[in-house]
């Protein structure tokens, strides 16, 4: 039996300036309407990524909407990343990209702290990239049908509780199911 190779992935550089800035809207604090913000998108360089993978995308807290389209920020980010890959990194194969979604992907831009179904964000990333793995944040609520779709879709791995996923020689570990202030009691 072949022993698994254990090597670390190390970030060696992150660009000082964003490659792109994506404008979005979100609920303003204290019920004061809509806030207009910008999501910076940075490109980084890492060593130790397995040969069968071209890139790793990691994101969380995409609590906004693209104003002119009124779709969740994560959906717009997916389209933007696909365009950036095509324009700036055409040598990378999108099917060899692993996306880690680290929760809080839903927002109602008119109600701060709202919760809802971020399935469309998961679907959007899956439509453009190879593997999508992640957890729900405390604002992400999946219906039974949405969970069944995530569980049944090849290339998507949702962690409802702690677990790990092997992507070739890379292992992704997650603490799914830990939300809110509970994390302070576990650490």
Protein backbone atom coordinates (compact mmCIF):
# COMPACT_ATOMS: atom_id res chain seq x y z
CA UNK A 1 0.00 0.00 0.00
CA UNK A 2 1.36 3.37 -1.04
CA UNK A 3 1.78 5.79 1.84
CA UNK A 4 0.17 9.23 1.30
CA UNK A 5 2.51 12.11 0.59
CA UNK A 6 2.27 14.87 3.20
CA UNK A 7 3.46 18.24 2.05
CA UNK A 8 2.43 21.69 3.06
CA UNK A 9 0.96 24.30 0.81
CA UNK A 10 2.59 27.61 1.55
CA UNK A 11 1.59 31.07 0.34
CA UNK A 12 4.78 32.78 -0.80
CA UNK A 13 3.35 36.01 -2.23
CA UNK A 14 0.10 37.98 -2.33
CA UNK A 15 -0.16 40.92 -4.68
CA UNK A 16 -0.04 44.29 -2.96
CA UNK A 17 -2.79 45.66 -5.20
CA UNK A 18 -5.99 43.86 -6.14
CA UNK A 19 -6.19 42.39 -9.62
CA UNK A 20 -9.77 43.67 -9.74
CA UNK A 21 -12.31 45.37 -7.52
CA UNK A 22 -15.91 44.15 -7.68
CA UNK A 23 -18.56 46.66 -6.54
CA UNK A 24 -21.53 45.33 -4.57
CA UNK A 25 -24.34 46.35 -2.24
CA UNK A 26 -25.09 45.08 1.25
CA UNK A 27 -27.28 46.02 4.19
CA UNK A 28 -25.88 48.97 6.13
CA UNK A 29 -25.38 48.76 9.90
CA UNK A 30 -28.12 49.90 12.28
CA UNK A 31 -30.86 49.60 9.65
CA UNK A 32 -29.54 52.60 7.71
CA UNK A 33 -30.39 51.36 4.21
CA UNK A 34 -27.96 50.00 1.70
CA UNK A 35 -24.17 50.26 1.86
CA UNK A 36 -22.08 50.36 -1.31
CA UNK A 37 -18.81 48.46 -1.03
CA UNK A 38 -16.05 46.97 -3.12
CA UNK A 39 -14.64 43.44 -2.93
CA UNK A 40 -10.91 43.38 -3.74
CA UNK A 41 -9.70 40.29 -5.62
CA UNK A 42 -6.07 39.40 -4.96
CA UNK A 43 -3.85 36.98 -6.81
CA UNK A 44 -1.37 35.01 -4.75
CA UNK A 45 1.42 32.56 -5.40
CA UNK A 46 1.89 29.33 -3.49
CA UNK A 47 4.20 26.37 -3.43
CA UNK A 48 3.25 22.79 -2.67
CA UNK A 49 0.01 22.65 -4.65
CA UNK A 50 -0.26 19.12 -6.08
CA UNK A 51 0.61 18.75 -9.79
CA UNK A 52 -2.94 17.73 -10.69
CA UNK A 53 -4.26 21.14 -9.54
CA UNK A 54 -3.68 24.51 -11.22
CA UNK A 55 -5.10 26.87 -8.60
CA UNK A 56 -6.92 27.24 -5.31
CA UNK A 57 -9.65 29.84 -4.69
CA UNK A 58 -10.59 30.53 -1.05
CA UNK A 59 -13.40 32.88 -0.09
CA UNK A 60 -15.96 33.62 2.60
CA UNK A 61 -18.29 36.33 3.85
CA UNK A 62 -19.63 37.26 0.43
CA UNK A 63 -22.63 39.00 1.95
CA UNK A 64 -23.69 41.28 -0.85
CA UNK A 65 -25.45 41.53 -4.18
CA UNK A 66 -24.29 42.78 -7.55
CA UNK A 67 -26.44 45.90 -7.83
CA UNK A 68 -27.30 45.95 -11.51
CA UNK A 69 -28.14 42.24 -11.60
CA UNK A 70 -29.43 41.70 -8.04
CA UNK A 71 -27.68 38.36 -7.83
CA UNK A 72 -25.64 37.22 -4.87
CA UNK A 73 -22.09 38.54 -4.72
CA UNK A 74 -20.68 34.98 -4.90
CA UNK A 75 -22.41 34.46 -8.26
CA UNK A 76 -20.91 37.67 -9.62
CA UNK A 77 -17.52 36.78 -8.17
CA UNK A 78 -17.63 33.46 -10.03
CA UNK A 79 -18.17 35.20 -13.36
CA UNK A 80 -15.45 37.75 -12.58
CA UNK A 81 -12.93 35.06 -11.59
CA UNK A 82 -13.66 33.07 -14.75
CA UNK A 83 -12.99 36.22 -16.82
CA UNK A 84 -9.78 36.96 -14.90
CA UNK A 85 -8.54 33.41 -15.42
CA UNK A 86 -9.28 33.66 -19.14
CA UNK A 87 -7.64 37.08 -19.52
CA UNK A 88 -4.64 36.90 -17.18
CA UNK A 89 -4.05 33.19 -16.54
CA UNK A 90 -5.11 31.44 -19.73
CA UNK A 91 -2.56 28.67 -19.10
CA UNK A 92 -4.59 27.51 -16.08
CA UNK A 93 -7.31 24.92 -16.62
CA UNK A 94 -10.54 25.90 -14.77
CA UNK A 95 -11.42 22.22 -14.28
CA UNK A 96 -8.19 21.89 -12.24
CA UNK A 97 -9.19 24.68 -9.84
CA UNK A 98 -10.39 23.85 -6.32
CA UNK A 99 -12.72 26.38 -4.68
CA UNK A 100 -13.12 26.52 -0.89
CA UNK A 101 -16.31 28.30 0.18
CA UNK A 102 -15.95 29.17 3.86
CA UNK A 103 -19.47 30.30 4.68
CA UNK A 104 -21.72 33.36 4.88
CA UNK A 105 -22.56 33.51 1.20
CA UNK A 106 -26.15 34.81 1.56
CA UNK A 107 -27.50 38.31 2.15
CA UNK A 108 -30.69 40.27 1.85
CA UNK A 109 -29.31 43.74 1.05
CA UNK A 110 -32.29 45.35 2.78
CA UNK A 111 -31.99 43.45 6.09
CA UNK A 112 -28.70 43.21 7.94
CA UNK A 113 -28.15 39.82 9.56
CA UNK A 114 -30.57 38.04 7.27
CA UNK A 115 -30.28 34.35 6.48
CA UNK A 116 -31.16 32.43 3.35
CA UNK A 117 -30.24 29.87 0.74
CA UNK A 118 -26.83 30.33 -0.98
CA UNK A 119 -27.26 27.34 -3.32
CA UNK A 120 -26.94 29.59 -6.38
CA UNK A 121 -23.41 30.57 -5.28
CA UNK A 122 -22.36 26.92 -4.99
CA UNK A 123 -23.91 26.17 -8.38
CA UNK A 124 -22.18 29.15 -9.99
CA UNK A 125 -18.71 28.12 -8.75
CA UNK A 126 -19.35 24.52 -9.77
CA UNK A 127 -20.33 25.63 -13.29
CA UNK A 128 -16.94 27.34 -13.81
CA UNK A 129 -14.42 25.34 -11.76
CA UNK A 130 -13.49 21.73 -10.98
CA UNK A 131 -14.11 21.02 -7.30
CA UNK A 132 -16.14 23.10 -4.85
CA UNK A 133 -15.83 22.29 -1.16
CA UNK A 134 -17.01 24.19 1.85
CA UNK A 135 -19.23 24.87 4.81
CA UNK A 136 -22.30 26.91 5.67
CA UNK A 137 -21.95 30.08 7.66
CA UNK A 138 -24.46 31.23 10.24
CA UNK A 139 -26.34 33.21 7.53
CA UNK A 140 -26.53 30.24 5.14
CA UNK A 141 -29.68 28.12 5.39
CA UNK A 142 -30.13 25.27 2.91
CA UNK A 143 -33.54 23.75 2.27
CA UNK A 144 -33.76 19.94 2.24
CA UNK A 145 -33.92 20.07 -1.57
CA UNK A 146 -30.85 22.33 -1.78
CA UNK A 147 -28.87 20.05 0.55
CA UNK A 148 -29.92 17.03 -1.50
CA UNK A 149 -28.70 18.78 -4.65
CA UNK A 150 -25.33 19.61 -3.06
CA UNK A 151 -24.95 16.03 -1.83
CA UNK A 152 -25.88 14.54 -5.22
CA UNK A 153 -23.64 16.74 -7.40
CA UNK A 154 -20.27 15.28 -8.37
CA UNK A 155 -17.52 17.83 -7.82
CA UNK A 156 -19.27 19.48 -4.84
CA UNK A 157 -18.46 18.53 -1.25
CA UNK A 158 -20.50 20.21 1.48
CA UNK A 159 -19.28 19.68 5.05
CA UNK A 160 -22.30 19.64 7.40
CA UNK A 161 -19.90 18.68 10.21
CA UNK A 162 -16.16 18.26 10.69
CA UNK A 163 -14.51 16.17 8.00
CA UNK A 164 -11.95 16.02 5.24
CA UNK A 165 -11.83 15.64 1.49
CA UNK A 166 -8.96 14.37 -0.64
CA UNK A 167 -8.38 16.23 -3.92
CA UNK A 168 -5.58 14.22 -5.46
CA UNK A 169 -2.65 14.66 -3.11
CA UNK A 170 -4.27 17.61 -1.29
CA UNK A 171 -6.47 17.17 1.78
CA UNK A 172 -9.09 19.77 2.65
CA UNK A 173 -10.32 19.72 6.25
CA UNK A 174 -13.37 21.57 7.52
CA UNK A 175 -15.19 22.28 10.74
CA UNK A 176 -18.67 22.45 9.22
CA UNK A 177 -21.55 22.83 11.65
CA UNK A 178 -19.69 25.22 13.97
CA UNK A 179 -21.43 28.58 13.80
CA UNK A 180 -21.67 31.81 15.72
CA UNK A 181 -20.12 32.20 19.14
CA UNK A 182 -19.85 28.42 19.65
CA UNK A 183 -16.39 28.52 18.06
CA UNK A 184 -15.06 30.43 21.09
CA UNK A 185 -16.00 27.53 23.36
CA UNK A 186 -14.35 24.90 21.18
CA UNK A 187 -11.00 26.57 20.54
